[in-house]
Amino acid sequence: MSKKGKLPRNISKRAKSTIDGQSSFSTTKHLLLNYKDLSRNQGQSPEEWHKKNLLVRKIKFFRNIGNKSIIELQQQKTLVIYGNFPKKSEFTEPIHLKGNNWARLRVGSSARICGYVVGTNFYVVF
């Protein structure tokens, strides 16, 4: 959303309807992270993050995004909501998660955390 509270023009229609239809979504709401759907088959595990010395970096990132509203995260392009699962992806959409509102969090210049959004909840998948 822009500073005036409008959604970016490039946001998908599906993502926009989910956001607009969510009464709890506002410029002051913060993103809540949930790990219930963290994939065991695709992407890196927390153990891999630890081995690569990324775990502390990710925890600091999570603490940092907790201090920003969803709108700020979108304006900074830290949070991008795609709507449908991206066609160009090294991952495969899990069958049991089809039809969700897919999004990603940018952690630094090259690392990404992918998942889906329901209201103010970001469910980490990859």
C-alpha atoms as a PDB file:
ATOM      1  CA  MET A   1       0.000   0.000   0.000  1.00  0.00           C
ATOM      2  CA  SER A   2       1.107   3.510  -0.589  1.00  0.00           C
ATOM      3  CA  LYS A   3       1.523   6.101   2.105  1.00  0.00           C
ATOM      4  CA  LYS A   4      -2.116   7.048   1.528  1.00  0.00           C
ATOM      5  CA  GLY A   5      -3.211   3.496   2.398  1.00  0.00           C
ATOM      6  CA  LYS A   6      -3.798   2.296  -1.177  1.00  0.00           C
ATOM      7  CA  LEU A   7      -2.638  -1.083  -2.440  1.00  0.00           C
ATOM      8  CA  PRO A   8       0.239  -1.136  -4.942  1.00  0.00           C
ATOM      9  CA  ARG A   9      -0.921  -1.348  -8.574  1.00  0.00           C
ATOM     10  CA  ASN A  10       1.041  -4.533  -9.254  1.00  0.00           C
ATOM     11  CA  ILE A  11      -0.676  -6.596  -6.538  1.00  0.00           C
ATOM     12  CA  SER A  12      -2.702  -9.495  -7.911  1.00  0.00           C
ATOM     13  CA  LYS A  13      -6.506  -9.295  -7.887  1.00  0.00           C
ATOM     14  CA  ARG A  14      -6.659 -12.378  -5.672  1.00  0.00           C
ATOM     15  CA  ALA A  15      -4.205 -10.928  -3.143  1.00  0.00           C
ATOM     16  CA  LYS A  16      -6.088  -7.614  -3.160  1.00  0.00           C
ATOM     17  CA  SER A  17      -9.444  -9.301  -2.497  1.00  0.00           C
ATOM     18  CA  THR A  18      -7.980 -11.287   0.398  1.00  0.00           C
ATOM     19  CA  ILE A  19      -6.548  -8.147   1.933  1.00  0.00           C
ATOM     20  CA  ASP A  20      -9.656  -6.044   1.303  1.00  0.00           C
ATOM     21  CA  GLY A  21     -11.917  -8.806   2.611  1.00  0.00           C
ATOM     22  CA  GLN A  22      -9.957  -9.091   5.835  1.00  0.00           C
ATOM     23  CA  SER A  23     -11.458  -6.672   8.349  1.00  0.00           C
ATOM     24  CA  SER A  24      -8.477  -7.031  10.693  1.00  0.00           C
ATOM     25  CA  PHE A  25      -6.036  -5.823   8.005  1.00  0.00           C
ATOM     26  CA  SER A  26      -4.998  -2.237   8.616  1.00  0.00           C
ATOM     27  CA  THR A  27      -1.998   0.030   8.361  1.00  0.00           C
ATOM     28  CA  THR A  28      -1.032  -0.749  11.974  1.00  0.00           C
ATOM     29  CA  LYS A  29      -1.316  -4.554  11.906  1.00  0.00           C
ATOM     30  CA  HIS A  30       1.830  -6.626  12.159  1.00  0.00           C
ATOM     31  CA  LEU A  31       2.643  -9.879  10.408  1.00  0.00           C
ATOM     32  CA  LEU A  32       2.409 -12.999  12.569  1.00  0.00           C
ATOM     33  CA  LEU A  33       4.568 -15.972  11.606  1.00  0.00           C
ATOM     34  CA  ASN A  34       3.340 -19.556  11.779  1.00  0.00           C
ATOM     35  CA  TYR A  35       5.428 -22.675  11.068  1.00  0.00           C
ATOM     36  CA  LYS A  36       2.737 -25.366  11.044  1.00  0.00           C
ATOM     37  CA  ASP A  37       3.172 -25.959   7.279  1.00  0.00           C
ATOM     38  CA  LEU A  38       6.987 -25.800   7.132  1.00  0.00           C
ATOM     39  CA  SER A  39       7.952 -28.265   4.384  1.00  0.00           C
ATOM     40  CA  ARG A  40      10.138 -31.202   5.271  1.00  0.00           C
ATOM     41  CA  ASN A  41      10.618 -32.088   1.591  1.00  0.00           C
ATOM     42  CA  GLN A  42      11.532 -28.773  -0.058  1.00  0.00           C
ATOM     43  CA  GLY A  43      13.656 -25.802   0.951  1.00  0.00           C
ATOM     44  CA  GLN A  44      16.054 -25.557   3.871  1.00  0.00           C
ATOM     45  CA  SER A  45      15.349 -26.806   7.365  1.00  0.00           C
ATOM     46  CA  PRO A  46      16.144 -24.857  10.553  1.00  0.00           C
ATOM     47  CA  GLU A  47      18.979 -27.356  11.071  1.00  0.00           C
ATOM     48  CA  GLU A  48      20.467 -26.315   7.711  1.00  0.00           C
ATOM     49  CA  TRP A  49      20.097 -22.644   8.704  1.00  0.00           C
ATOM     50  CA  HIS A  50      22.056 -23.459  11.861  1.00  0.00           C
ATOM     51  CA  LYS A  51      24.825 -25.339   9.994  1.00  0.00           C
ATOM     52  CA  LYS A  52      25.208 -22.432   7.547  1.00  0.00           C
ATOM     53  CA  ASN A  53      25.256 -19.874  10.396  1.00  0.00           C
ATOM     54  CA  LEU A  54      21.981 -18.394   9.119  1.00  0.00           C
ATOM     55  CA  LEU A  55      19.778 -19.137  12.119  1.00  0.00           C
ATOM     56  CA  VAL A  56      20.831 -16.075  14.128  1.00  0.00           C
ATOM     57  CA  ARG A  57      20.447 -13.890  11.016  1.00  0.00           C
ATOM     58  CA  LYS A  58      16.906 -15.168  10.438  1.00  0.00           C
ATOM     59  CA  ILE A  59      15.915 -14.693  14.076  1.00  0.00           C
ATOM     60  CA  LYS A  60      17.169 -11.088  13.917  1.00  0.00           C
ATOM     61  CA  PHE A  61      15.205 -10.641  10.689  1.00  0.00           C
ATOM     62  CA  PHE A  62      12.035 -11.967  12.340  1.00  0.00           C
ATOM     63  CA  ARG A  63      12.542  -9.623  15.287  1.00  0.00           C
ATOM     64  CA  ASN A  64      13.033  -6.716  12.874  1.00  0.00           C
ATOM     65  CA  ILE A  65       9.889  -7.381  10.838  1.00  0.00           C
ATOM     66  CA  GLY A  66       7.933  -7.624  14.077  1.00  0.00           C
ATOM     67  CA  ASN A  67       8.573  -3.904  14.543  1.00  0.00           C
ATOM     68  CA  LYS A  68       7.045  -2.963  11.185  1.00  0.00           C
ATOM     69  CA  SER A  69       3.470  -2.931   9.977  1.00  0.00           C
ATOM     70  CA  ILE A  70       2.376  -5.097   7.063  1.00  0.00           C
ATOM     71  CA  ILE A  71       2.042  -1.932   4.984  1.00  0.00           C
ATOM     72  CA  GLU A  72       5.652  -0.922   5.739  1.00  0.00           C
ATOM     73  CA  LEU A  73       6.880  -4.411   4.817  1.00  0.00           C
ATOM     74  CA  GLN A  74       5.044  -4.200   1.494  1.00  0.00           C
ATOM     75  CA  GLN A  75       6.292  -0.680   0.755  1.00  0.00           C
ATOM     76  CA  GLN A  76       9.873  -1.828   1.403  1.00  0.00           C
ATOM     77  CA  LYS A  77       9.242  -4.909  -0.782  1.00  0.00           C
ATOM     78  CA  THR A  78      10.223  -7.124   2.149  1.00  0.00           C
ATOM     79  CA  LEU A  79       6.763  -8.711   1.858  1.00  0.00           C
ATOM     80  CA  VAL A  80       5.377  -9.440  -1.597  1.00  0.00           C
ATOM     81  CA  ILE A  81       1.988 -11.112  -1.948  1.00  0.00           C
ATOM     82  CA  TYR A  82       1.636 -13.038  -5.206  1.00  0.00           C
ATOM     83  CA  GLY A  83      -1.802 -14.564  -4.884  1.00  0.00           C
ATOM     84  CA  ASN A  84      -1.414 -17.718  -6.996  1.00  0.00           C
ATOM     85  CA  PHE A  85       1.662 -19.897  -6.552  1.00  0.00           C
ATOM     86  CA  PRO A  86       4.453 -18.420  -8.733  1.00  0.00           C
ATOM     87  CA  LYS A  87       4.909 -20.210 -12.063  1.00  0.00           C
ATOM     88  CA  LYS A  88       8.666 -19.553 -12.036  1.00  0.00           C
ATOM     89  CA  SER A  89       9.739 -21.301  -8.843  1.00  0.00           C
ATOM     90  CA  GLU A  90      12.275 -23.916  -7.851  1.00  0.00           C
ATOM     91  CA  PHE A  91       9.591 -25.297  -5.515  1.00  0.00           C
ATOM     92  CA  THR A  92       6.427 -27.233  -6.201  1.00  0.00           C
ATOM     93  CA  GLU A  93       3.161 -26.121  -4.645  1.00  0.00           C
ATOM     94  CA  PRO A  94       2.191 -28.727  -2.021  1.00  0.00           C
ATOM     95  CA  ILE A  95      -1.109 -30.382  -3.000  1.00  0.00           C
ATOM     96  CA  HIS A  96      -2.643 -29.840   0.453  1.00  0.00           C
ATOM     97  CA  LEU A  97      -1.873 -26.091   0.241  1.00  0.00           C
ATOM     98  CA  LYS A  98      -3.266 -25.408  -3.247  1.00  0.00           C
ATOM     99  CA  GLY A  99      -5.425 -22.313  -3.576  1.00  0.00           C
ATOM    100  CA  ASN A 100      -3.702 -20.278  -0.873  1.00  0.00           C
ATOM    101  CA  ASN A 101      -2.587 -16.656  -1.140  1.00  0.00           C
ATOM    102  CA  TRP A 102       1.172 -17.164  -1.734  1.00  0.00           C
ATOM    103  CA  ALA A 103       3.765 -14.622  -0.647  1.00  0.00           C
ATOM    104  CA  ARG A 104       7.437 -14.232   0.127  1.00  0.00           C
ATOM    105  CA  LEU A 105       9.604 -12.425   2.649  1.00  0.00           C
ATOM    106  CA  ARG A 106      12.966 -11.085   1.491  1.00  0.00           C
ATOM    107  CA  VAL A 107      15.757 -11.770   3.984  1.00  0.00           C
ATOM    108  CA  GLY A 108      18.706  -9.771   2.712  1.00  0.00           C
ATOM    109  CA  SER A 109      19.819  -9.601  -0.902  1.00  0.00           C
ATOM    110  CA  SER A 110      19.312 -13.222  -1.966  1.00  0.00           C
ATOM    111  CA  ALA A 111      17.530 -15.226   0.761  1.00  0.00           C
ATOM    112  CA  ARG A 112      13.756 -15.643   0.644  1.00  0.00           C
ATOM    113  CA  ILE A 113      11.193 -17.212   2.936  1.00  0.00           C
ATOM    114  CA  CYS A 114       8.129 -18.401   1.049  1.00  0.00           C
ATOM    115  CA  GLY A 115       4.696 -19.227   2.308  1.00  0.00           C
ATOM    116  CA  TYR A 116       1.119 -18.040   2.202  1.00  0.00           C
ATOM    117  CA  VAL A 117      -0.881 -15.313   3.906  1.00  0.00           C
ATOM    118  CA  VAL A 118      -4.248 -15.545   5.629  1.00  0.00           C
ATOM    119  CA  GLY A 119      -5.239 -12.199   7.130  1.00  0.00           C
ATOM    120  CA  THR A 120      -2.221 -11.057   9.148  1.00  0.00           C
ATOM    121  CA  ASN A 121      -0.713 -14.569   9.425  1.00  0.00           C
ATOM    122  CA  PHE A 122       2.249 -15.611   7.267  1.00  0.00           C
ATOM    123  CA  TYR A 123       2.521 -19.406   7.140  1.00  0.00           C
ATOM    124  CA  VAL A 124       6.143 -20.351   6.399  1.00  0.00           C
ATOM    125  CA  VAL A 125       6.358 -23.241   3.929  1.00  0.00           C
ATOM    126  CA  PHE A 126       9.813 -22.989   2.285  1.00  0.00           C
END
